[in-house]
Amino acid sequence: MNVKINRKLCVIAVLGASVTCTATIANKPETVRYQNLKVLPKDISPHDLQSIMADDFEDGLGVTCGFCHANAKDGHGLDFVSDTKPEKEIARQMMRMTIGINKKYFKLKHVNIGNPALVVSCTTCHKGQAFPNGVAGNN
């Protein structure tokens, strides 16, 4: 009788430990490491990155991902790591410029692209156009 109880307790303990470990692993947030981020934080969350790309670039400039990101070599999708397209470096320069303007002239301390507290953003000049009025490409 005592042996049966010990076996039952052992089985229950093993099952309980298995369920606990599985639940812990399943609830652990996945850490995403993006490659080739030179202006945005290296530990940016997928949500924040998507928000910046959608709000600042798609809405602010009226462009899609392929405007800055090159096509993948296999012809499927985009190569987000590649620096092949010059527009990607121009976008980085513009982000640095925006950060600099907000720090220098508006004395913002925690300037991050995508922060709604920014006084100057992509939309300030671009107003939904890839090339602001008066700039080559949009006269």
N, C-alpha and C. Protein backbone atom coordinates (compact mmCIF):
# COMPACT_ATOMS: atom_id res chain seq x y z
N MET A 1 0.82 -1.19 0.00
CA MET A 1 0.00 0.00 0.00
C MET A 1 0.87 1.26 0.00
N ASN A 2 1.88 1.26 0.86
CA ASN A 2 2.78 2.39 0.97
C ASN A 2 3.56 2.61 -0.33
N VAL A 3 3.92 1.51 -1.02
CA VAL A 3 4.66 1.60 -2.28
C VAL A 3 3.77 2.22 -3.35
N LYS A 4 2.47 1.85 -3.39
CA LYS A 4 1.54 2.41 -4.37
C LYS A 4 1.37 3.92 -4.17
N ILE A 5 1.29 4.34 -2.93
CA ILE A 5 1.13 5.77 -2.64
C ILE A 5 2.38 6.52 -3.08
N ASN A 6 3.57 5.98 -2.79
CA ASN A 6 4.82 6.62 -3.19
C ASN A 6 4.92 6.72 -4.72
N ARG A 7 4.49 5.67 -5.44
CA ARG A 7 4.52 5.69 -6.90
C ARG A 7 3.57 6.77 -7.42
N LYS A 8 2.38 6.83 -6.83
CA LYS A 8 1.41 7.85 -7.26
C LYS A 8 1.95 9.25 -7.01
N LEU A 9 2.52 9.46 -5.84
CA LEU A 9 3.09 10.77 -5.53
C LEU A 9 4.23 11.12 -6.48
N CYS A 10 5.05 10.13 -6.80
CA CYS A 10 6.17 10.35 -7.72
C CYS A 10 5.66 10.73 -9.11
N VAL A 11 4.64 10.01 -9.60
CA VAL A 11 4.06 10.31 -10.91
C VAL A 11 3.44 11.70 -10.91
N ILE A 12 2.71 12.03 -9.85
CA ILE A 12 2.09 13.35 -9.75
C ILE A 12 3.16 14.44 -9.72
N ALA A 13 4.23 14.22 -8.98
CA ALA A 13 5.30 15.21 -8.88
C ALA A 13 5.98 15.42 -10.23
N VAL A 14 6.25 14.33 -10.95
CA VAL A 14 6.90 14.44 -12.27
C VAL A 14 5.98 15.17 -13.25
N LEU A 15 4.70 14.81 -13.26
CA LEU A 15 3.75 15.48 -14.15
C LEU A 15 3.63 16.97 -13.80
N GLY A 16 3.57 17.26 -12.52
CA GLY A 16 3.47 18.66 -12.10
C GLY A 16 4.70 19.45 -12.51
N ALA A 17 5.87 18.87 -12.34
CA ALA A 17 7.11 19.54 -12.75
C ALA A 17 7.14 19.75 -14.25
N SER A 18 6.68 18.75 -15.01
CA SER A 18 6.66 18.87 -16.47
C SER A 18 5.74 20.00 -16.92
N VAL A 19 4.56 20.06 -16.34
CA VAL A 19 3.60 21.10 -16.70
C VAL A 19 4.16 22.48 -16.33
N THR A 20 4.76 22.58 -15.16
CA THR A 20 5.33 23.86 -14.73
C THR A 20 6.44 24.31 -15.66
N CYS A 21 7.34 23.40 -16.02
CA CYS A 21 8.44 23.74 -16.93
C CYS A 21 7.91 24.14 -18.30
N THR A 22 6.94 23.40 -18.80
CA THR A 22 6.37 23.71 -20.11
C THR A 22 5.70 25.08 -20.09
N ALA A 23 4.96 25.37 -19.04
CA ALA A 23 4.27 26.66 -18.95
C ALA A 23 5.27 27.80 -18.84
N THR A 24 6.34 27.58 -18.10
CA THR A 24 7.37 28.61 -17.96
C THR A 24 8.04 28.89 -19.29
N ILE A 25 8.38 27.85 -20.02
CA ILE A 25 9.03 28.01 -21.33
C ILE A 25 8.07 28.67 -22.31
N ALA A 26 6.81 28.29 -22.29
CA ALA A 26 5.84 28.84 -23.24
C ALA A 26 5.58 30.32 -22.98
N ASN A 27 5.64 30.76 -21.72
CA ASN A 27 5.37 32.15 -21.40
C ASN A 27 6.58 33.06 -21.51
N LYS A 28 7.75 32.48 -21.74
CA LYS A 28 8.97 33.27 -21.84
C LYS A 28 8.95 34.05 -23.15
N PRO A 29 9.03 35.38 -23.08
CA PRO A 29 8.99 36.17 -24.32
C PRO A 29 10.22 35.90 -25.17
N GLU A 30 9.99 35.81 -26.46
CA GLU A 30 11.08 35.54 -27.38
C GLU A 30 11.88 36.82 -27.59
N THR A 31 13.19 36.71 -27.45
CA THR A 31 14.05 37.85 -27.68
C THR A 31 14.45 37.86 -29.14
N VAL A 32 14.15 38.95 -29.81
CA VAL A 32 14.48 39.08 -31.22
C VAL A 32 15.71 39.96 -31.33
N ARG A 33 16.69 39.51 -32.07
CA ARG A 33 17.89 40.29 -32.32
C ARG A 33 17.93 40.67 -33.78
N TYR A 34 17.76 41.94 -34.04
CA TYR A 34 17.81 42.42 -35.42
C TYR A 34 19.26 42.68 -35.79
N GLN A 35 19.56 42.54 -37.07
CA GLN A 35 20.91 42.77 -37.55
C GLN A 35 20.98 44.10 -38.29
N ASN A 36 22.12 44.75 -38.20
CA ASN A 36 22.42 45.95 -38.98
C ASN A 36 21.59 47.17 -38.59
N LEU A 37 21.18 47.25 -37.33
CA LEU A 37 20.51 48.47 -36.86
C LEU A 37 21.60 49.46 -36.46
N LYS A 38 21.62 50.62 -37.09
CA LYS A 38 22.67 51.59 -36.82
C LYS A 38 22.16 52.84 -36.12
N VAL A 39 20.87 53.10 -36.17
CA VAL A 39 20.30 54.26 -35.50
C VAL A 39 19.28 53.81 -34.44
N LEU A 40 18.45 52.87 -34.79
CA LEU A 40 17.44 52.36 -33.85
C LEU A 40 18.12 51.47 -32.81
N PRO A 41 17.54 51.35 -31.62
CA PRO A 41 18.14 50.52 -30.57
C PRO A 41 18.25 49.06 -30.99
N LYS A 42 19.36 48.44 -30.64
CA LYS A 42 19.60 47.04 -31.01
C LYS A 42 18.59 46.10 -30.35
N ASP A 43 18.06 46.49 -29.19
CA ASP A 43 17.11 45.65 -28.46
C ASP A 43 15.66 46.09 -28.67
N ILE A 44 15.38 46.77 -29.76
CA ILE A 44 14.03 47.25 -30.04
C ILE A 44 13.06 46.08 -30.14
N SER A 45 11.87 46.26 -29.64
CA SER A 45 10.87 45.19 -29.69
C SER A 45 10.27 45.12 -31.10
N PRO A 46 9.78 43.95 -31.49
CA PRO A 46 9.12 43.84 -32.79
C PRO A 46 7.97 44.84 -32.94
N HIS A 47 7.22 45.05 -31.87
CA HIS A 47 6.09 45.99 -31.90
C HIS A 47 6.58 47.41 -32.18
N ASP A 48 7.63 47.84 -31.46
CA ASP A 48 8.14 49.20 -31.65
C ASP A 48 8.75 49.38 -33.04
N LEU A 49 9.46 48.38 -33.52
CA LEU A 49 10.05 48.47 -34.86
C LEU A 49 8.96 48.58 -35.92
N GLN A 50 7.95 47.74 -35.81
CA GLN A 50 6.85 47.78 -36.77
C GLN A 50 6.12 49.12 -36.71
N SER A 51 5.95 49.64 -35.51
CA SER A 51 5.28 50.93 -35.34
C SER A 51 6.07 52.05 -36.01
N ILE A 52 7.38 52.06 -35.84
CA ILE A 52 8.22 53.08 -36.47
C ILE A 52 8.15 52.95 -37.98
N MET A 53 8.27 51.74 -38.48
CA MET A 53 8.25 51.55 -39.93
C MET A 53 6.89 51.95 -40.52
N ALA A 54 5.81 51.63 -39.81
CA ALA A 54 4.47 51.95 -40.33
C ALA A 54 4.14 53.43 -40.15
N ASP A 55 4.34 53.95 -38.95
CA ASP A 55 3.94 55.33 -38.66
C ASP A 55 4.88 56.37 -39.26
N ASP A 56 6.18 56.15 -39.09
CA ASP A 56 7.13 57.17 -39.54
C ASP A 56 7.45 57.07 -41.03
N PHE A 57 7.60 55.87 -41.53
CA PHE A 57 8.00 55.74 -42.93
C PHE A 57 6.82 55.55 -43.88
N GLU A 58 5.97 54.58 -43.61
CA GLU A 58 4.84 54.35 -44.51
C GLU A 58 3.89 55.55 -44.51
N ASP A 59 3.52 56.02 -43.33
CA ASP A 59 2.59 57.16 -43.24
C ASP A 59 3.30 58.49 -43.50
N GLY A 60 4.44 58.70 -42.85
CA GLY A 60 5.15 59.96 -42.95
C GLY A 60 5.72 60.26 -44.33
N LEU A 61 6.14 59.20 -45.04
CA LEU A 61 6.75 59.39 -46.36
C LEU A 61 5.91 58.80 -47.49
N GLY A 62 4.87 58.07 -47.14
CA GLY A 62 4.03 57.46 -48.17
C GLY A 62 4.75 56.38 -48.96
N VAL A 63 5.67 55.66 -48.32
CA VAL A 63 6.43 54.62 -49.01
C VAL A 63 6.19 53.27 -48.35
N THR A 64 6.53 52.21 -49.06
CA THR A 64 6.46 50.86 -48.50
C THR A 64 7.88 50.39 -48.21
N CYS A 65 8.00 49.21 -47.65
CA CYS A 65 9.29 48.67 -47.21
C CYS A 65 10.34 48.64 -48.33
N GLY A 66 9.89 48.31 -49.55
CA GLY A 66 10.81 48.19 -50.68
C GLY A 66 11.43 49.50 -51.11
N PHE A 67 10.99 50.61 -50.58
CA PHE A 67 11.59 51.90 -50.91
C PHE A 67 13.03 51.96 -50.39
N CYS A 68 13.26 51.44 -49.18
CA CYS A 68 14.60 51.45 -48.58
C CYS A 68 15.26 50.08 -48.56
N HIS A 69 14.47 49.01 -48.47
CA HIS A 69 15.02 47.66 -48.34
C HIS A 69 15.08 46.97 -49.69
N ALA A 70 16.24 46.34 -49.96
CA ALA A 70 16.47 45.65 -51.23
C ALA A 70 15.71 44.34 -51.28
N ASN A 71 15.45 43.88 -52.49
CA ASN A 71 14.84 42.56 -52.67
C ASN A 71 15.82 41.48 -52.22
N ALA A 72 15.29 40.40 -51.70
CA ALA A 72 16.13 39.27 -51.30
C ALA A 72 16.76 38.64 -52.54
N LYS A 73 17.95 38.11 -52.38
CA LYS A 73 18.66 37.51 -53.52
C LYS A 73 17.90 36.35 -54.15
N ASP A 74 17.13 35.62 -53.33
CA ASP A 74 16.37 34.48 -53.87
C ASP A 74 15.07 34.92 -54.55
N GLY A 75 14.81 36.23 -54.54
CA GLY A 75 13.63 36.76 -55.21
C GLY A 75 12.36 36.70 -54.39
N HIS A 76 12.45 36.21 -53.15
CA HIS A 76 11.28 36.11 -52.28
C HIS A 76 11.42 37.09 -51.12
N GLY A 77 10.61 38.10 -51.10
CA GLY A 77 10.61 39.04 -49.99
C GLY A 77 11.74 40.05 -50.08
N LEU A 78 12.05 40.63 -48.93
CA LEU A 78 13.06 41.68 -48.85
C LEU A 78 14.23 41.25 -47.98
N ASP A 79 15.39 41.80 -48.26
CA ASP A 79 16.59 41.56 -47.46
C ASP A 79 16.76 42.77 -46.53
N PHE A 80 16.23 42.66 -45.33
CA PHE A 80 16.22 43.79 -44.41
C PHE A 80 17.61 44.14 -43.88
N VAL A 81 18.57 43.23 -43.97
CA VAL A 81 19.92 43.47 -43.48
C VAL A 81 20.76 44.22 -44.51
N SER A 82 20.49 44.02 -45.76
CA SER A 82 21.29 44.61 -46.84
C SER A 82 21.29 46.14 -46.83
N ASP A 83 22.43 46.70 -47.18
CA ASP A 83 22.56 48.15 -47.34
C ASP A 83 22.70 48.53 -48.82
N THR A 84 22.22 47.68 -49.71
CA THR A 84 22.37 47.88 -51.15
C THR A 84 21.73 49.17 -51.64
N LYS A 85 20.55 49.47 -51.16
CA LYS A 85 19.82 50.65 -51.65
C LYS A 85 20.29 51.91 -50.92
N PRO A 86 20.64 52.96 -51.67
CA PRO A 86 21.10 54.20 -51.02
C PRO A 86 20.02 54.85 -50.17
N GLU A 87 18.76 54.59 -50.46
CA GLU A 87 17.66 55.17 -49.68
C GLU A 87 17.73 54.76 -48.21
N LYS A 88 18.29 53.58 -47.94
CA LYS A 88 18.38 53.11 -46.56
C LYS A 88 19.35 53.99 -45.76
N GLU A 89 20.48 54.32 -46.35
CA GLU A 89 21.43 55.20 -45.66
C GLU A 89 20.88 56.61 -45.54
N ILE A 90 20.16 57.07 -46.55
CA ILE A 90 19.53 58.39 -46.47
C ILE A 90 18.52 58.41 -45.33
N ALA A 91 17.76 57.34 -45.16
CA ALA A 91 16.79 57.25 -44.06
C ALA A 91 17.51 57.32 -42.71
N ARG A 92 18.66 56.66 -42.61
CA ARG A 92 19.43 56.72 -41.36
C ARG A 92 19.90 58.15 -41.09
N GLN A 93 20.39 58.81 -42.14
CA GLN A 93 20.84 60.20 -41.97
C GLN A 93 19.68 61.10 -41.53
N MET A 94 18.52 60.86 -42.10
CA MET A 94 17.34 61.66 -41.74
C MET A 94 16.91 61.39 -40.30
N MET A 95 17.01 60.13 -39.85
CA MET A 95 16.68 59.83 -38.46
C MET A 95 17.66 60.54 -37.52
N ARG A 96 18.96 60.50 -37.86
CA ARG A 96 19.95 61.19 -37.03
C ARG A 96 19.68 62.70 -37.00
N MET A 97 19.32 63.26 -38.15
CA MET A 97 19.02 64.68 -38.24
C MET A 97 17.82 65.03 -37.35
N THR A 98 16.78 64.22 -37.42
CA THR A 98 15.57 64.44 -36.63
C THR A 98 15.88 64.37 -35.13
N ILE A 99 16.67 63.39 -34.74
CA ILE A 99 17.07 63.26 -33.34
C ILE A 99 17.86 64.50 -32.92
N GLY A 100 18.80 64.92 -33.77
CA GLY A 100 19.63 66.09 -33.46
C GLY A 100 18.81 67.37 -33.31
N ILE A 101 17.87 67.59 -34.21
CA ILE A 101 17.02 68.79 -34.14
C ILE A 101 16.21 68.80 -32.86
N ASN A 102 15.62 67.66 -32.51
CA ASN A 102 14.81 67.59 -31.29
C ASN A 102 15.64 67.80 -30.03
N LYS A 103 16.88 67.29 -30.02
CA LYS A 103 17.75 67.48 -28.85
C LYS A 103 18.24 68.93 -28.76
N LYS A 104 18.76 69.44 -29.87
CA LYS A 104 19.41 70.75 -29.86
C LYS A 104 18.43 71.91 -29.71
N TYR A 105 17.38 71.90 -30.48
CA TYR A 105 16.49 73.06 -30.52
C TYR A 105 15.28 72.96 -29.58
N PHE A 106 14.89 71.74 -29.25
CA PHE A 106 13.72 71.58 -28.40
C PHE A 106 14.07 70.96 -27.05
N LYS A 107 15.36 70.75 -26.83
CA LYS A 107 15.89 70.29 -25.55
C LYS A 107 15.23 69.02 -25.02
N LEU A 108 14.80 68.15 -25.93
CA LEU A 108 14.23 66.87 -25.49
C LEU A 108 15.37 65.98 -25.03
N LYS A 109 15.18 65.32 -23.89
CA LYS A 109 16.25 64.51 -23.31
C LYS A 109 16.27 63.08 -23.85
N HIS A 110 15.15 62.45 -23.97
CA HIS A 110 15.08 61.05 -24.41
C HIS A 110 14.48 61.01 -25.80
N VAL A 111 15.31 61.27 -26.78
CA VAL A 111 14.83 61.36 -28.15
C VAL A 111 14.98 60.00 -28.82
N ASN A 112 13.86 59.42 -29.17
CA ASN A 112 13.84 58.16 -29.90
C ASN A 112 12.90 58.30 -31.08
N ILE A 113 13.33 57.80 -32.21
CA ILE A 113 12.46 57.79 -33.38
C ILE A 113 11.21 57.00 -33.00
N GLY A 114 10.07 57.49 -33.38
CA GLY A 114 8.81 56.83 -33.06
C GLY A 114 8.14 57.36 -31.80
N ASN A 115 8.86 58.16 -31.02
CA ASN A 115 8.30 58.73 -29.81
C ASN A 115 7.32 59.83 -30.19
N PRO A 116 6.07 59.74 -29.76
CA PRO A 116 5.08 60.76 -30.14
C PRO A 116 5.39 62.14 -29.56
N ALA A 117 6.31 62.23 -28.60
CA ALA A 117 6.66 63.52 -28.01
C ALA A 117 7.61 64.33 -28.89
N LEU A 118 8.11 63.75 -29.97
CA LEU A 118 9.02 64.48 -30.85
C LEU A 118 8.32 65.69 -31.45
N VAL A 119 9.00 66.82 -31.43
CA VAL A 119 8.45 68.03 -32.02
C VAL A 119 8.60 67.95 -33.54
N VAL A 120 9.78 67.50 -33.97
CA VAL A 120 10.05 67.34 -35.40
C VAL A 120 10.13 65.85 -35.69
N SER A 121 9.37 65.41 -36.68
CA SER A 121 9.38 64.00 -37.10
C SER A 121 9.45 63.96 -38.62
N CYS A 122 9.44 62.78 -39.18
CA CYS A 122 9.47 62.63 -40.65
C CYS A 122 8.33 63.40 -41.30
N THR A 123 7.16 63.33 -40.70
CA THR A 123 5.97 63.95 -41.27
C THR A 123 6.06 65.48 -41.30
N THR A 124 6.86 66.06 -40.41
CA THR A 124 6.99 67.52 -40.36
C THR A 124 7.33 68.09 -41.73
N CYS A 125 8.26 67.48 -42.42
CA CYS A 125 8.67 67.97 -43.74
C CYS A 125 8.08 67.17 -44.88
N HIS A 126 8.01 65.86 -44.71
CA HIS A 126 7.59 65.00 -45.82
C HIS A 126 6.08 65.06 -46.07
N LYS A 127 5.30 65.18 -45.03
CA LYS A 127 3.84 65.27 -45.16
C LYS A 127 3.25 64.18 -46.07
N GLY A 128 3.74 62.95 -45.88
CA GLY A 128 3.21 61.81 -46.64
C GLY A 128 3.80 61.63 -48.02
N GLN A 129 4.85 62.37 -48.34
CA GLN A 129 5.49 62.27 -49.66
C GLN A 129 6.93 61.78 -49.49
N ALA A 130 7.39 60.96 -50.42
CA ALA A 130 8.76 60.46 -50.37
C ALA A 130 9.77 61.59 -50.48
N PHE A 131 9.44 62.59 -51.28
CA PHE A 131 10.32 63.74 -51.48
C PHE A 131 9.53 65.01 -51.16
N PRO A 132 9.96 65.76 -50.13
CA PRO A 132 9.23 66.98 -49.78
C PRO A 132 9.23 67.98 -50.94
N ASN A 133 8.27 68.87 -50.96
CA ASN A 133 8.21 69.91 -52.00
C ASN A 133 9.52 70.69 -52.03
N GLY A 134 9.99 70.96 -53.24
CA GLY A 134 11.23 71.70 -53.40
C GLY A 134 12.47 70.86 -53.38
N VAL A 135 12.34 69.55 -53.17
CA VAL A 135 13.49 68.65 -53.15
C VAL A 135 13.50 67.87 -54.45
N ALA A 136 14.70 67.59 -54.98
CA ALA A 136 14.82 66.85 -56.24
C ALA A 136 13.94 65.61 -56.21
N GLY A 137 13.20 65.40 -57.28
CA GLY A 137 12.31 64.24 -57.35
C GLY A 137 10.87 64.61 -57.11
N ASN A 138 10.62 65.82 -56.57
CA ASN A 138 9.24 66.23 -56.28
C ASN A 138 9.10 67.74 -56.44
N ASN A 139 9.30 68.22 -57.63
CA ASN A 139 9.20 69.66 -57.87
C ASN A 139 7.83 70.05 -58.34
